[in-house]
Amino acid sequence: MNNKLMVALCVATVSIGAFAGPHGRPGPGHRPAPVRRRAAPPPIHHHKHSVWGRGGSNFWPGFVGGFVGGVVGGAVVEATAGPRVVQETVVVHQPVATTTVVTTPVVVRETAPVVVTQTTTTETQKVWIEGRYVDQVQDNGTVVRVWQPGHYEVRTVVY
């Protein structure tokens, strides 16, 4: 984009933002001068109106103007700032492998076979089996889930 177009866009954005403020009746402190009468001046009536107008109708022009100004201003900054340079540092850790080879002489002797005798020990234990649901098939083919309660079993353990 050329510079004249950017300046024109900036001026348009600022003018939209400047004229997008709340309009309507002037607020407190900007009343016209009271008419001079012999009677006491009328009481000041405090309005309960928002400066944004009824239902926020004066809010949206300012909001849109600010949004457009932000977008255009961001584009101007991006265009004039130049490219961004990002420098990354990558650290790579590589494992260090060391190999040590140790050789020892092997001595082979002729010996008689070794006879090993094993002694076995048997032990009986009482083990608790948790209760569970078991599926049973009835005569007509339907499957019924039945609770089987927990119980002790005697098991033989051989060592």
N, C-alpha and C. Protein backbone atom coordinates (compact mmCIF):
# COMPACT_ATOMS: atom_id res chain seq x y z
N MET A 1 0.84 -1.18 0.00
CA MET A 1 0.00 0.00 0.00
C MET A 1 0.89 1.24 0.00
N ASN A 2 0.41 2.25 -0.68
CA ASN A 2 1.22 3.46 -0.66
C ASN A 2 0.87 4.30 0.56
N ASN A 3 1.71 5.27 0.85
CA ASN A 3 1.57 6.07 2.07
C ASN A 3 0.33 6.95 2.06
N LYS A 4 -0.08 7.47 0.89
CA LYS A 4 -1.25 8.34 0.82
C LYS A 4 -2.52 7.57 1.21
N LEU A 5 -2.61 6.34 0.75
CA LEU A 5 -3.78 5.53 1.09
C LEU A 5 -3.81 5.23 2.59
N MET A 6 -2.65 4.95 3.19
CA MET A 6 -2.59 4.66 4.61
C MET A 6 -2.99 5.89 5.43
N VAL A 7 -2.53 7.08 5.02
CA VAL A 7 -2.89 8.30 5.73
C VAL A 7 -4.38 8.55 5.62
N ALA A 8 -4.96 8.32 4.43
CA ALA A 8 -6.40 8.52 4.24
C ALA A 8 -7.19 7.56 5.14
N LEU A 9 -6.76 6.31 5.23
CA LEU A 9 -7.45 5.35 6.09
C LEU A 9 -7.35 5.76 7.56
N CYS A 10 -6.18 6.25 7.98
CA CYS A 10 -6.03 6.69 9.38
C CYS A 10 -6.93 7.88 9.68
N VAL A 11 -7.01 8.85 8.76
CA VAL A 11 -7.85 10.03 8.96
C VAL A 11 -9.32 9.60 9.02
N ALA A 12 -9.73 8.68 8.16
CA ALA A 12 -11.12 8.22 8.15
C ALA A 12 -11.45 7.49 9.46
N THR A 13 -10.54 6.71 9.95
CA THR A 13 -10.76 5.99 11.19
C THR A 13 -10.89 6.94 12.38
N VAL A 14 -10.01 7.93 12.44
CA VAL A 14 -10.06 8.88 13.54
C VAL A 14 -11.34 9.69 13.49
N SER A 15 -11.76 10.06 12.29
CA SER A 15 -12.99 10.87 12.18
C SER A 15 -14.21 10.04 12.54
N ILE A 16 -14.22 8.78 12.20
CA ILE A 16 -15.35 7.91 12.58
C ILE A 16 -15.39 7.79 14.11
N GLY A 17 -14.24 7.60 14.72
CA GLY A 17 -14.19 7.47 16.17
C GLY A 17 -14.58 8.76 16.87
N ALA A 18 -14.24 9.90 16.28
CA ALA A 18 -14.54 11.18 16.91
C ALA A 18 -16.03 11.50 16.87
N PHE A 19 -16.70 11.15 15.77
CA PHE A 19 -18.11 11.48 15.63
C PHE A 19 -19.03 10.35 16.09
N ALA A 20 -18.47 9.27 16.60
CA ALA A 20 -19.30 8.13 17.00
C ALA A 20 -19.67 8.19 18.48
N GLY A 21 -19.42 9.28 19.14
CA GLY A 21 -19.74 9.40 20.56
C GLY A 21 -21.23 9.52 20.78
N PRO A 22 -21.64 9.62 22.04
CA PRO A 22 -23.07 9.74 22.35
C PRO A 22 -23.63 11.08 21.89
N HIS A 23 -24.86 11.05 21.39
CA HIS A 23 -25.55 12.25 20.92
C HIS A 23 -26.84 12.42 21.69
N GLY A 24 -27.51 13.52 21.50
CA GLY A 24 -28.80 13.73 22.16
C GLY A 24 -28.72 14.94 23.07
N ARG A 25 -29.48 14.89 24.12
CA ARG A 25 -29.56 16.02 25.05
C ARG A 25 -28.24 16.19 25.79
N PRO A 26 -27.89 17.42 26.10
CA PRO A 26 -26.66 17.61 26.88
C PRO A 26 -26.87 17.13 28.30
N GLY A 27 -25.80 16.68 28.92
CA GLY A 27 -25.87 16.14 30.27
C GLY A 27 -25.92 17.25 31.30
N PRO A 28 -25.82 16.89 32.58
CA PRO A 28 -25.86 17.88 33.65
C PRO A 28 -24.67 18.84 33.53
N GLY A 29 -24.90 20.11 33.87
CA GLY A 29 -23.85 21.10 33.77
C GLY A 29 -23.84 21.82 32.44
N HIS A 30 -24.63 21.35 31.47
CA HIS A 30 -24.71 21.96 30.15
C HIS A 30 -26.13 22.41 29.85
N ARG A 31 -26.84 22.82 30.90
CA ARG A 31 -28.21 23.28 30.71
C ARG A 31 -28.19 24.73 30.21
N PRO A 32 -29.21 25.12 29.48
CA PRO A 32 -29.29 26.55 29.09
C PRO A 32 -29.54 27.41 30.33
N ALA A 33 -29.22 28.65 30.23
CA ALA A 33 -29.39 29.57 31.36
C ALA A 33 -30.87 29.65 31.71
N PRO A 34 -31.19 29.67 33.02
CA PRO A 34 -32.60 29.72 33.41
C PRO A 34 -33.22 31.08 33.06
N VAL A 35 -34.48 31.03 32.78
CA VAL A 35 -35.22 32.27 32.47
C VAL A 35 -35.41 33.03 33.77
N ARG A 36 -35.11 34.33 33.76
CA ARG A 36 -35.21 35.13 34.98
C ARG A 36 -36.66 35.50 35.23
N ARG A 37 -37.19 35.02 36.31
CA ARG A 37 -38.55 35.33 36.73
C ARG A 37 -38.52 35.78 38.17
N ARG A 38 -39.62 36.27 38.58
CA ARG A 38 -39.70 36.65 39.98
C ARG A 38 -39.89 35.42 40.85
N ALA A 39 -40.46 34.34 40.29
CA ALA A 39 -40.68 33.14 41.08
C ALA A 39 -39.36 32.37 41.20
N ALA A 40 -39.34 31.44 42.11
CA ALA A 40 -38.14 30.64 42.31
C ALA A 40 -37.88 29.78 41.06
N PRO A 41 -36.63 29.49 40.80
CA PRO A 41 -36.35 28.65 39.62
C PRO A 41 -36.91 27.25 39.83
N PRO A 42 -37.26 26.59 38.74
CA PRO A 42 -37.81 25.23 38.87
C PRO A 42 -36.74 24.29 39.43
N PRO A 43 -37.19 23.23 40.11
CA PRO A 43 -36.21 22.29 40.68
C PRO A 43 -35.46 21.54 39.57
N ILE A 44 -34.25 21.17 39.87
CA ILE A 44 -33.43 20.43 38.89
C ILE A 44 -33.92 18.99 38.88
N HIS A 45 -34.22 18.53 37.69
CA HIS A 45 -34.69 17.15 37.53
C HIS A 45 -33.50 16.28 37.13
N HIS A 46 -33.21 15.28 37.93
CA HIS A 46 -32.09 14.39 37.63
C HIS A 46 -32.58 13.26 36.72
N HIS A 47 -32.02 13.22 35.54
CA HIS A 47 -32.43 12.19 34.58
C HIS A 47 -31.71 10.89 34.90
N LYS A 48 -32.39 9.81 34.69
CA LYS A 48 -31.80 8.49 34.90
C LYS A 48 -31.54 7.83 33.55
N HIS A 49 -30.93 8.59 32.66
CA HIS A 49 -30.64 8.06 31.33
C HIS A 49 -29.15 7.75 31.24
N SER A 50 -28.83 6.78 30.44
CA SER A 50 -27.44 6.42 30.22
C SER A 50 -26.85 7.31 29.14
N VAL A 51 -25.57 7.59 29.25
CA VAL A 51 -24.90 8.38 28.21
C VAL A 51 -24.79 7.58 26.92
N TRP A 52 -24.99 6.29 26.99
CA TRP A 52 -24.92 5.45 25.80
C TRP A 52 -26.23 5.43 25.03
N GLY A 53 -27.24 6.13 25.54
CA GLY A 53 -28.52 6.18 24.83
C GLY A 53 -29.43 5.06 25.25
N ARG A 54 -30.64 5.10 24.72
CA ARG A 54 -31.64 4.10 25.08
C ARG A 54 -31.21 2.73 24.54
N GLY A 55 -31.05 1.78 25.45
CA GLY A 55 -30.68 0.42 25.05
C GLY A 55 -29.26 0.34 24.50
N GLY A 56 -28.41 1.34 24.76
CA GLY A 56 -27.04 1.29 24.26
C GLY A 56 -26.92 1.64 22.80
N SER A 57 -27.87 2.37 22.24
CA SER A 57 -27.85 2.66 20.80
C SER A 57 -26.67 3.54 20.40
N ASN A 58 -26.14 4.33 21.33
CA ASN A 58 -24.99 5.17 21.00
C ASN A 58 -23.66 4.47 21.27
N PHE A 59 -23.72 3.26 21.76
CA PHE A 59 -22.50 2.52 22.05
C PHE A 59 -21.88 1.93 20.79
N TRP A 60 -22.71 1.38 19.93
CA TRP A 60 -22.20 0.60 18.79
C TRP A 60 -21.40 1.42 17.78
N PRO A 61 -21.77 2.66 17.45
CA PRO A 61 -20.91 3.39 16.51
C PRO A 61 -19.49 3.59 17.05
N GLY A 62 -19.36 3.89 18.32
CA GLY A 62 -18.02 4.04 18.89
C GLY A 62 -17.27 2.73 18.93
N PHE A 63 -17.99 1.66 19.23
CA PHE A 63 -17.35 0.35 19.27
C PHE A 63 -16.84 -0.05 17.90
N VAL A 64 -17.66 0.11 16.88
CA VAL A 64 -17.27 -0.25 15.51
C VAL A 64 -16.12 0.63 15.05
N GLY A 65 -16.19 1.93 15.36
CA GLY A 65 -15.09 2.82 14.98
C GLY A 65 -13.79 2.43 15.64
N GLY A 66 -13.84 2.06 16.90
CA GLY A 66 -12.63 1.62 17.59
C GLY A 66 -12.09 0.32 17.01
N PHE A 67 -13.00 -0.58 16.66
CA PHE A 67 -12.56 -1.86 16.08
C PHE A 67 -11.88 -1.64 14.74
N VAL A 68 -12.52 -0.84 13.88
CA VAL A 68 -11.93 -0.56 12.56
C VAL A 68 -10.59 0.15 12.73
N GLY A 69 -10.54 1.11 13.68
CA GLY A 69 -9.29 1.81 13.92
C GLY A 69 -8.19 0.87 14.39
N GLY A 70 -8.55 -0.08 15.23
CA GLY A 70 -7.56 -1.05 15.69
C GLY A 70 -7.04 -1.93 14.58
N VAL A 71 -7.94 -2.35 13.69
CA VAL A 71 -7.52 -3.20 12.58
C VAL A 71 -6.61 -2.42 11.63
N VAL A 72 -7.02 -1.20 11.29
CA VAL A 72 -6.21 -0.40 10.37
C VAL A 72 -4.88 -0.03 11.03
N GLY A 73 -4.93 0.35 12.31
CA GLY A 73 -3.69 0.69 13.01
C GLY A 73 -2.75 -0.49 13.10
N GLY A 74 -3.29 -1.67 13.33
CA GLY A 74 -2.46 -2.87 13.36
C GLY A 74 -1.83 -3.15 12.00
N ALA A 75 -2.61 -2.91 10.93
CA ALA A 75 -2.05 -3.11 9.59
C ALA A 75 -0.93 -2.12 9.31
N VAL A 76 -1.10 -0.87 9.78
CA VAL A 76 -0.06 0.14 9.57
C VAL A 76 1.20 -0.25 10.32
N VAL A 77 1.05 -0.70 11.55
CA VAL A 77 2.22 -1.08 12.33
C VAL A 77 2.91 -2.28 11.70
N GLU A 78 2.15 -3.25 11.24
CA GLU A 78 2.74 -4.42 10.59
C GLU A 78 3.47 -4.03 9.32
N ALA A 79 2.90 -3.10 8.55
CA ALA A 79 3.52 -2.70 7.28
C ALA A 79 4.80 -1.91 7.52
N THR A 80 4.85 -1.10 8.57
CA THR A 80 6.02 -0.26 8.79
C THR A 80 7.06 -0.93 9.67
N ALA A 81 6.71 -1.94 10.41
CA ALA A 81 7.65 -2.56 11.34
C ALA A 81 8.64 -3.47 10.64
N GLY A 82 8.29 -4.00 9.48
CA GLY A 82 9.18 -4.91 8.77
C GLY A 82 9.00 -6.34 9.27
N PRO A 83 9.75 -7.23 8.69
CA PRO A 83 9.57 -8.64 9.06
C PRO A 83 10.13 -8.90 10.46
N ARG A 84 9.51 -9.84 11.13
CA ARG A 84 9.97 -10.24 12.45
C ARG A 84 11.03 -11.30 12.31
N VAL A 85 12.04 -11.20 13.14
CA VAL A 85 13.11 -12.18 13.12
C VAL A 85 13.04 -12.95 14.43
N VAL A 86 12.87 -14.23 14.32
CA VAL A 86 12.79 -15.08 15.51
C VAL A 86 13.99 -15.99 15.48
N GLN A 87 14.74 -15.98 16.57
CA GLN A 87 15.93 -16.82 16.64
C GLN A 87 15.66 -17.93 17.63
N GLU A 88 15.85 -19.14 17.19
CA GLU A 88 15.64 -20.29 18.06
C GLU A 88 16.97 -20.95 18.35
N THR A 89 17.12 -21.41 19.55
CA THR A 89 18.30 -22.15 19.94
C THR A 89 17.86 -23.56 20.25
N VAL A 90 18.42 -24.49 19.54
CA VAL A 90 18.06 -25.89 19.74
C VAL A 90 19.25 -26.59 20.37
N VAL A 91 19.05 -27.20 21.51
CA VAL A 91 20.10 -27.93 22.19
C VAL A 91 19.81 -29.41 22.04
N VAL A 92 20.76 -30.14 21.49
CA VAL A 92 20.58 -31.57 21.28
C VAL A 92 21.56 -32.30 22.19
N HIS A 93 21.03 -33.16 23.02
CA HIS A 93 21.87 -33.97 23.89
C HIS A 93 21.99 -35.35 23.27
N GLN A 94 23.23 -35.76 23.00
CA GLN A 94 23.44 -37.08 22.46
C GLN A 94 24.15 -37.92 23.51
N PRO A 95 23.69 -39.14 23.68
CA PRO A 95 24.34 -39.99 24.69
C PRO A 95 25.75 -40.38 24.25
N VAL A 96 26.63 -40.47 25.21
CA VAL A 96 28.00 -40.88 24.95
C VAL A 96 28.10 -42.36 25.27
N ALA A 97 28.45 -43.13 24.27
CA ALA A 97 28.53 -44.58 24.47
C ALA A 97 29.99 -44.98 24.64
N THR A 98 30.29 -45.69 25.70
CA THR A 98 31.63 -46.23 25.91
C THR A 98 31.52 -47.74 25.99
N THR A 99 32.42 -48.38 25.34
CA THR A 99 32.40 -49.84 25.32
C THR A 99 33.69 -50.34 25.94
N THR A 100 33.54 -51.19 26.92
CA THR A 100 34.71 -51.79 27.56
C THR A 100 34.61 -53.30 27.37
N VAL A 101 35.64 -53.87 26.80
CA VAL A 101 35.65 -55.31 26.56
C VAL A 101 36.69 -55.92 27.49
N VAL A 102 36.22 -56.84 28.32
CA VAL A 102 37.12 -57.54 29.23
C VAL A 102 37.05 -59.02 28.90
N THR A 103 38.19 -59.60 28.65
CA THR A 103 38.21 -61.04 28.36
C THR A 103 38.94 -61.74 29.50
N THR A 104 38.35 -62.84 29.93
CA THR A 104 38.99 -63.64 30.98
C THR A 104 39.14 -65.05 30.46
N PRO A 105 40.18 -65.69 30.85
CA PRO A 105 40.37 -67.08 30.39
C PRO A 105 39.35 -68.01 31.06
N VAL A 106 38.90 -69.00 30.30
CA VAL A 106 37.93 -69.96 30.79
C VAL A 106 38.65 -71.28 31.05
N VAL A 107 38.48 -71.78 32.26
CA VAL A 107 39.11 -73.04 32.62
C VAL A 107 38.04 -74.10 32.68
N VAL A 108 38.22 -75.19 31.92
CA VAL A 108 37.25 -76.28 31.90
C VAL A 108 37.86 -77.47 32.64
N ARG A 109 37.12 -77.98 33.61
CA ARG A 109 37.58 -79.14 34.37
C ARG A 109 36.62 -80.29 34.16
N GLU A 110 37.14 -81.42 34.10
CA GLU A 110 36.34 -82.63 34.00
C GLU A 110 36.00 -83.07 35.42
N THR A 111 34.71 -83.06 35.74
CA THR A 111 34.30 -83.48 37.08
C THR A 111 33.17 -84.48 36.97
N ALA A 112 32.90 -85.13 38.04
CA ALA A 112 31.81 -86.09 38.09
C ALA A 112 30.49 -85.33 38.13
N PRO A 113 29.40 -85.91 37.60
CA PRO A 113 28.12 -85.23 37.61
C PRO A 113 27.63 -85.01 39.05
N VAL A 114 26.98 -83.91 39.25
CA VAL A 114 26.49 -83.57 40.57
C VAL A 114 25.04 -84.03 40.68
N VAL A 115 24.73 -84.73 41.77
CA VAL A 115 23.37 -85.20 42.00
C VAL A 115 22.71 -84.25 43.00
N VAL A 116 21.58 -83.70 42.59
CA VAL A 116 20.86 -82.76 43.44
C VAL A 116 19.59 -83.43 43.92
N THR A 117 19.40 -83.42 45.20
CA THR A 117 18.17 -83.98 45.73
C THR A 117 17.26 -82.82 46.12
N GLN A 118 16.02 -82.91 45.73
CA GLN A 118 15.07 -81.85 46.04
C GLN A 118 14.09 -82.36 47.08
N THR A 119 13.83 -81.50 48.00
CA THR A 119 12.81 -81.83 48.99
C THR A 119 11.61 -80.94 48.70
N THR A 120 10.46 -81.53 48.65
CA THR A 120 9.25 -80.76 48.37
C THR A 120 8.44 -80.64 49.66
N THR A 121 7.88 -79.50 49.82
CA THR A 121 7.04 -79.24 50.99
C THR A 121 5.66 -78.87 50.48
N THR A 122 4.67 -79.48 51.02
CA THR A 122 3.30 -79.14 50.65
C THR A 122 2.63 -78.48 51.84
N GLU A 123 1.81 -77.50 51.53
CA GLU A 123 1.13 -76.76 52.58
C GLU A 123 -0.29 -76.48 52.11
N THR A 124 -1.24 -76.60 53.00
CA THR A 124 -2.62 -76.28 52.65
C THR A 124 -2.98 -74.93 53.26
N GLN A 125 -3.68 -74.13 52.47
CA GLN A 125 -4.07 -72.80 52.92
C GLN A 125 -5.56 -72.60 52.67
N LYS A 126 -6.18 -71.82 53.55
CA LYS A 126 -7.56 -71.42 53.33
C LYS A 126 -7.52 -70.06 52.63
N VAL A 127 -8.15 -69.94 51.46
CA VAL A 127 -8.14 -68.72 50.66
C VAL A 127 -9.57 -68.24 50.50
N TRP A 128 -9.82 -66.93 50.73
CA TRP A 128 -11.15 -66.34 50.56
C TRP A 128 -11.36 -65.97 49.10
N ILE A 129 -12.45 -66.45 48.52
CA ILE A 129 -12.83 -66.13 47.14
C ILE A 129 -13.98 -65.12 47.23
N GLU A 130 -13.82 -63.96 46.56
CA GLU A 130 -14.84 -62.90 46.60
C GLU A 130 -16.12 -63.37 45.92
N GLY A 131 -17.23 -62.79 46.33
CA GLY A 131 -18.50 -63.09 45.68
C GLY A 131 -18.57 -62.43 44.30
N ARG A 132 -19.41 -62.97 43.42
CA ARG A 132 -19.50 -62.44 42.06
C ARG A 132 -20.83 -62.84 41.44
N TYR A 133 -21.17 -62.20 40.34
CA TYR A 133 -22.36 -62.57 39.58
C TYR A 133 -21.99 -63.62 38.55
N VAL A 134 -22.85 -64.62 38.41
CA VAL A 134 -22.61 -65.70 37.45
C VAL A 134 -23.83 -65.79 36.53
N ASP A 135 -23.60 -65.92 35.23
CA ASP A 135 -24.70 -66.07 34.27
C ASP A 135 -25.10 -67.55 34.21
N GLN A 136 -26.42 -67.81 34.36
CA GLN A 136 -26.93 -69.18 34.27
C GLN A 136 -27.95 -69.23 33.14
N VAL A 137 -27.87 -70.29 32.34
CA VAL A 137 -28.81 -70.48 31.24
C VAL A 137 -29.93 -71.39 31.75
N GLN A 138 -31.19 -70.91 31.62
CA GLN A 138 -32.32 -71.71 32.07
C GLN A 138 -32.76 -72.66 30.96
N ASP A 139 -33.76 -73.49 31.27
CA ASP A 139 -34.22 -74.51 30.32
C ASP A 139 -34.80 -73.88 29.05
N ASN A 140 -35.46 -72.72 29.16
CA ASN A 140 -36.06 -72.11 27.97
C ASN A 140 -35.06 -71.27 27.18
N GLY A 141 -33.79 -71.22 27.59
CA GLY A 141 -32.75 -70.52 26.83
C GLY A 141 -32.45 -69.11 27.30
N THR A 142 -33.17 -68.61 28.28
CA THR A 142 -32.90 -67.26 28.76
C THR A 142 -31.72 -67.30 29.72
N VAL A 143 -30.98 -66.20 29.76
CA VAL A 143 -29.81 -66.10 30.63
C VAL A 143 -30.19 -65.24 31.83
N VAL A 144 -29.94 -65.77 33.02
CA VAL A 144 -30.25 -65.07 34.25
C VAL A 144 -28.95 -64.86 35.01
N ARG A 145 -28.74 -63.64 35.52
CA ARG A 145 -27.53 -63.34 36.30
C ARG A 145 -27.86 -63.58 37.76
N VAL A 146 -27.06 -64.46 38.41
CA VAL A 146 -27.30 -64.87 39.79
C VAL A 146 -26.07 -64.52 40.61
N TRP A 147 -26.28 -64.03 41.86
CA TRP A 147 -25.17 -63.70 42.76
C TRP A 147 -24.67 -64.95 43.44
N GLN A 148 -23.36 -65.16 43.31
CA GLN A 148 -22.73 -66.29 44.00
C GLN A 148 -21.93 -65.68 45.16
N PRO A 149 -22.29 -65.97 46.41
CA PRO A 149 -21.62 -65.33 47.54
C PRO A 149 -20.17 -65.81 47.68
N GLY A 150 -19.38 -65.03 48.43
CA GLY A 150 -17.99 -65.39 48.67
C GLY A 150 -17.88 -66.61 49.57
N HIS A 151 -16.72 -67.30 49.49
CA HIS A 151 -16.52 -68.51 50.27
C HIS A 151 -15.02 -68.78 50.41
N TYR A 152 -14.69 -69.69 51.34
CA TYR A 152 -13.30 -70.11 51.52
C TYR A 152 -13.06 -71.36 50.70
N GLU A 153 -11.84 -71.44 50.13
CA GLU A 153 -11.41 -72.65 49.44
C GLU A 153 -10.10 -73.11 50.07
N VAL A 154 -9.91 -74.41 50.10
CA VAL A 154 -8.66 -74.97 50.61
C VAL A 154 -7.79 -75.28 49.40
N ARG A 155 -6.58 -74.70 49.40
CA ARG A 155 -5.65 -74.91 48.29
C ARG A 155 -4.38 -75.52 48.83
N THR A 156 -3.75 -76.36 47.99
CA THR A 156 -2.49 -77.00 48.35
C THR A 156 -1.38 -76.31 47.58
N VAL A 157 -0.36 -75.87 48.29
CA VAL A 157 0.77 -75.19 47.69
C VAL A 157 1.98 -76.09 47.85
N VAL A 158 2.69 -76.33 46.72
CA VAL A 158 3.89 -77.17 46.75
C VAL A 158 5.10 -76.28 46.59
N TYR A 159 6.07 -76.43 47.53
CA TYR A 159 7.32 -75.66 47.46
C TYR A 159 8.44 -76.52 46.99
